[in-house]
Amino acid sequence: MKKITIRRASDSVALNISEGSILQSRLEFRKFLGYSIRSLAEVVTCLYKAKNRKYISEDDFDKLYNESYNIMNQIIAFRNQIKE
């Protein structure tokens, strides 16, 4: 697994938030936040694959997994605050 796969998935998180925040309805913004959450799930899957293939250490995996988990919770909490 190449680094570019993880980068692409992680870039997608920010890009979906950005795209959804500009000139969109609240419902559309919530939808794009959902896309961001799914992109973050892709990042986590890539991290598991990288760990299992010994591309990253267990310590690096734990750090990146925890960061991803925290970001996901923040996005979910933010999306829940946006009323339709």
N, C-alpha and C. Protein backbone atom coordinates (compact mmCIF):
# COMPACT_ATOMS: atom_id res chain seq x y z
N MET A 1 0.85 -1.17 0.00
CA MET A 1 0.00 0.00 0.00
C MET A 1 0.89 1.23 0.00
N LYS A 2 0.63 2.10 -0.88
CA LYS A 2 1.45 3.29 -1.00
C LYS A 2 0.90 4.41 -0.11
N LYS A 3 1.80 5.30 0.28
CA LYS A 3 1.39 6.45 1.08
C LYS A 3 0.32 7.28 0.38
N ILE A 4 0.38 7.26 -0.94
CA ILE A 4 -0.54 8.11 -1.70
C ILE A 4 -2.00 7.72 -1.44
N THR A 5 -2.27 6.45 -1.18
CA THR A 5 -3.64 6.02 -0.90
C THR A 5 -4.16 6.67 0.37
N ILE A 6 -3.34 6.66 1.41
CA ILE A 6 -3.75 7.29 2.67
C ILE A 6 -3.86 8.80 2.48
N ARG A 7 -2.94 9.38 1.76
CA ARG A 7 -3.00 10.83 1.53
C ARG A 7 -4.27 11.20 0.78
N ARG A 8 -4.59 10.43 -0.24
CA ARG A 8 -5.78 10.73 -1.03
C ARG A 8 -7.04 10.66 -0.17
N ALA A 9 -7.13 9.63 0.65
CA ALA A 9 -8.30 9.49 1.53
C ALA A 9 -8.35 10.60 2.56
N SER A 10 -7.19 10.95 3.14
CA SER A 10 -7.19 12.01 4.16
C SER A 10 -7.46 13.38 3.53
N ASP A 11 -6.94 13.61 2.32
CA ASP A 11 -7.25 14.87 1.63
C ASP A 11 -8.75 14.98 1.36
N SER A 12 -9.37 13.86 1.05
CA SER A 12 -10.80 13.84 0.76
C SER A 12 -11.63 14.30 1.96
N VAL A 13 -11.14 14.03 3.16
CA VAL A 13 -11.85 14.48 4.37
C VAL A 13 -11.98 16.00 4.34
N ALA A 14 -10.86 16.68 4.20
CA ALA A 14 -10.86 18.15 4.20
C ALA A 14 -11.58 18.71 2.98
N LEU A 15 -11.38 18.09 1.82
CA LEU A 15 -11.99 18.62 0.61
C LEU A 15 -13.51 18.52 0.65
N ASN A 16 -14.04 17.46 1.22
CA ASN A 16 -15.50 17.34 1.33
C ASN A 16 -16.07 18.37 2.29
N ILE A 17 -15.37 18.63 3.38
CA ILE A 17 -15.84 19.66 4.31
C ILE A 17 -15.84 21.02 3.61
N SER A 18 -14.77 21.30 2.89
CA SER A 18 -14.66 22.57 2.19
C SER A 18 -15.75 22.72 1.13
N GLU A 19 -15.92 21.68 0.33
CA GLU A 19 -16.92 21.74 -0.73
C GLU A 19 -18.33 21.92 -0.18
N GLY A 20 -18.62 21.22 0.90
CA GLY A 20 -19.96 21.30 1.48
C GLY A 20 -20.25 22.60 2.19
N SER A 21 -19.21 23.32 2.57
CA SER A 21 -19.42 24.53 3.37
C SER A 21 -19.70 25.78 2.53
N ILE A 22 -19.47 25.70 1.24
CA ILE A 22 -19.60 26.88 0.38
C ILE A 22 -20.93 26.86 -0.38
N LEU A 23 -21.75 27.84 -0.11
CA LEU A 23 -22.99 28.07 -0.84
C LEU A 23 -23.89 26.83 -0.91
N GLN A 24 -23.95 26.10 0.18
CA GLN A 24 -24.79 24.91 0.25
C GLN A 24 -25.85 25.10 1.33
N SER A 25 -26.92 24.36 1.20
CA SER A 25 -27.92 24.35 2.27
C SER A 25 -27.36 23.56 3.45
N ARG A 26 -28.02 23.68 4.58
CA ARG A 26 -27.58 22.92 5.76
C ARG A 26 -27.66 21.42 5.50
N LEU A 27 -28.70 21.00 4.80
CA LEU A 27 -28.86 19.59 4.48
C LEU A 27 -27.70 19.10 3.59
N GLU A 28 -27.34 19.91 2.60
CA GLU A 28 -26.21 19.55 1.73
C GLU A 28 -24.90 19.51 2.52
N PHE A 29 -24.71 20.48 3.41
CA PHE A 29 -23.48 20.51 4.21
C PHE A 29 -23.38 19.26 5.07
N ARG A 30 -24.50 18.86 5.68
CA ARG A 30 -24.52 17.64 6.49
C ARG A 30 -24.15 16.43 5.62
N LYS A 31 -24.63 16.42 4.38
CA LYS A 31 -24.32 15.32 3.47
C LYS A 31 -22.82 15.25 3.19
N PHE A 32 -22.21 16.41 2.96
CA PHE A 32 -20.77 16.44 2.69
C PHE A 32 -19.96 16.08 3.94
N LEU A 33 -20.45 16.43 5.11
CA LEU A 33 -19.78 16.00 6.33
C LEU A 33 -19.85 14.47 6.45
N GLY A 34 -20.95 13.89 6.01
CA GLY A 34 -21.06 12.43 5.97
C GLY A 34 -20.03 11.83 5.03
N TYR A 35 -19.82 12.47 3.88
CA TYR A 35 -18.78 12.00 2.96
C TYR A 35 -17.41 12.06 3.63
N SER A 36 -17.18 13.12 4.41
CA SER A 36 -15.91 13.26 5.11
C SER A 36 -15.71 12.14 6.12
N ILE A 37 -16.78 11.79 6.82
CA ILE A 37 -16.70 10.70 7.80
C ILE A 37 -16.36 9.39 7.10
N ARG A 38 -16.98 9.16 5.95
CA ARG A 38 -16.68 7.93 5.21
C ARG A 38 -15.25 7.94 4.68
N SER A 39 -14.76 9.09 4.27
CA SER A 39 -13.35 9.18 3.84
C SER A 39 -12.42 8.88 5.00
N LEU A 40 -12.77 9.34 6.17
CA LEU A 40 -11.95 9.06 7.35
C LEU A 40 -11.98 7.57 7.68
N ALA A 41 -13.10 6.92 7.45
CA ALA A 41 -13.16 5.46 7.63
C ALA A 41 -12.21 4.77 6.64
N GLU A 42 -12.08 5.31 5.43
CA GLU A 42 -11.11 4.78 4.47
C GLU A 42 -9.68 4.93 4.99
N VAL A 43 -9.41 6.08 5.61
CA VAL A 43 -8.08 6.30 6.19
C VAL A 43 -7.78 5.22 7.22
N VAL A 44 -8.74 4.96 8.09
CA VAL A 44 -8.54 3.96 9.15
C VAL A 44 -8.31 2.58 8.53
N THR A 45 -9.06 2.24 7.49
CA THR A 45 -8.85 0.96 6.82
C THR A 45 -7.45 0.88 6.24
N CYS A 46 -6.99 1.96 5.63
CA CYS A 46 -5.63 2.00 5.09
C CYS A 46 -4.59 1.84 6.19
N LEU A 47 -4.85 2.44 7.35
CA LEU A 47 -3.92 2.30 8.47
C LEU A 47 -3.83 0.84 8.92
N TYR A 48 -4.97 0.17 9.02
CA TYR A 48 -4.96 -1.25 9.39
C TYR A 48 -4.18 -2.08 8.38
N LYS A 49 -4.40 -1.80 7.10
CA LYS A 49 -3.69 -2.54 6.06
C LYS A 49 -2.19 -2.27 6.14
N ALA A 50 -1.82 -1.03 6.38
CA ALA A 50 -0.40 -0.68 6.49
C ALA A 50 0.24 -1.37 7.70
N LYS A 51 -0.47 -1.42 8.80
CA LYS A 51 0.05 -2.09 10.00
C LYS A 51 0.20 -3.58 9.76
N ASN A 52 -0.83 -4.19 9.19
CA ASN A 52 -0.80 -5.63 8.95
C ASN A 52 0.28 -6.03 7.95
N ARG A 53 0.63 -5.13 7.04
CA ARG A 53 1.68 -5.41 6.06
C ARG A 53 3.05 -4.95 6.54
N LYS A 54 3.09 -4.48 7.81
CA LYS A 54 4.34 -4.05 8.45
C LYS A 54 4.97 -2.82 7.77
N TYR A 55 4.11 -1.98 7.18
CA TYR A 55 4.59 -0.73 6.60
C TYR A 55 4.75 0.35 7.67
N ILE A 56 3.96 0.23 8.74
CA ILE A 56 4.06 1.16 9.86
C ILE A 56 4.15 0.36 11.16
N SER A 57 4.74 0.97 12.16
CA SER A 57 4.89 0.30 13.45
C SER A 57 3.56 0.33 14.21
N GLU A 58 3.50 -0.50 15.23
CA GLU A 58 2.31 -0.53 16.09
C GLU A 58 2.12 0.83 16.77
N ASP A 59 3.21 1.46 17.20
CA ASP A 59 3.13 2.78 17.85
C ASP A 59 2.59 3.84 16.88
N ASP A 60 3.12 3.83 15.65
CA ASP A 60 2.62 4.80 14.66
C ASP A 60 1.14 4.54 14.36
N PHE A 61 0.78 3.28 14.24
CA PHE A 61 -0.62 2.94 14.00
C PHE A 61 -1.50 3.48 15.12
N ASP A 62 -1.10 3.20 16.37
CA ASP A 62 -1.90 3.64 17.52
C ASP A 62 -2.08 5.15 17.52
N LYS A 63 -1.01 5.88 17.25
CA LYS A 63 -1.08 7.34 17.24
C LYS A 63 -2.03 7.83 16.15
N LEU A 64 -1.85 7.32 14.94
CA LEU A 64 -2.67 7.76 13.82
C LEU A 64 -4.12 7.31 13.95
N TYR A 65 -4.32 6.11 14.48
CA TYR A 65 -5.68 5.62 14.70
C TYR A 65 -6.41 6.50 15.71
N ASN A 66 -5.74 6.83 16.81
CA ASN A 66 -6.36 7.67 17.84
C ASN A 66 -6.68 9.06 17.31
N GLU A 67 -5.79 9.62 16.51
CA GLU A 67 -6.04 10.93 15.90
C GLU A 67 -7.26 10.85 14.97
N SER A 68 -7.31 9.80 14.17
CA SER A 68 -8.44 9.63 13.26
C SER A 68 -9.75 9.46 14.03
N TYR A 69 -9.72 8.68 15.08
CA TYR A 69 -10.90 8.44 15.91
C TYR A 69 -11.40 9.77 16.51
N ASN A 70 -10.48 10.57 17.02
CA ASN A 70 -10.86 11.87 17.61
C ASN A 70 -11.44 12.81 16.56
N ILE A 71 -10.82 12.85 15.39
CA ILE A 71 -11.32 13.71 14.32
C ILE A 71 -12.71 13.26 13.89
N MET A 72 -12.89 11.94 13.77
CA MET A 72 -14.20 11.43 13.37
C MET A 72 -15.27 11.83 14.37
N ASN A 73 -14.97 11.71 15.65
CA ASN A 73 -15.94 12.11 16.67
C ASN A 73 -16.25 13.59 16.61
N GLN A 74 -15.25 14.41 16.30
CA GLN A 74 -15.46 15.85 16.19
C GLN A 74 -16.36 16.18 15.00
N ILE A 75 -16.12 15.51 13.87
CA ILE A 75 -16.95 15.77 12.69
C ILE A 75 -18.39 15.32 12.95
N ILE A 76 -18.54 14.16 13.58
CA ILE A 76 -19.89 13.67 13.88
C ILE A 76 -20.61 14.63 14.82
N ALA A 77 -19.92 15.11 15.85
CA ALA A 77 -20.53 16.06 16.79
C ALA A 77 -20.90 17.36 16.07
N PHE A 78 -20.04 17.83 15.19
CA PHE A 78 -20.32 19.04 14.43
C PHE A 78 -21.54 18.83 13.53
N ARG A 79 -21.57 17.71 12.82
CA ARG A 79 -22.70 17.42 11.93
C ARG A 79 -24.00 17.36 12.74
N ASN A 80 -23.95 16.79 13.93
CA ASN A 80 -25.15 16.69 14.76
C ASN A 80 -25.66 18.04 15.23
N GLN A 81 -24.80 19.04 15.26
CA GLN A 81 -25.19 20.39 15.68
C GLN A 81 -25.88 21.17 14.57
N ILE A 82 -25.72 20.70 13.34
CA ILE A 82 -26.31 21.41 12.20
C ILE A 82 -27.74 20.91 12.01
N LYS A 83 -28.67 21.80 12.21
CA LYS A 83 -30.08 21.46 12.07
C LYS A 83 -30.47 21.51 10.60
N GLU A 84 -31.38 20.65 10.22
CA GLU A 84 -31.80 20.60 8.81
C GLU A 84 -32.68 21.74 8.42
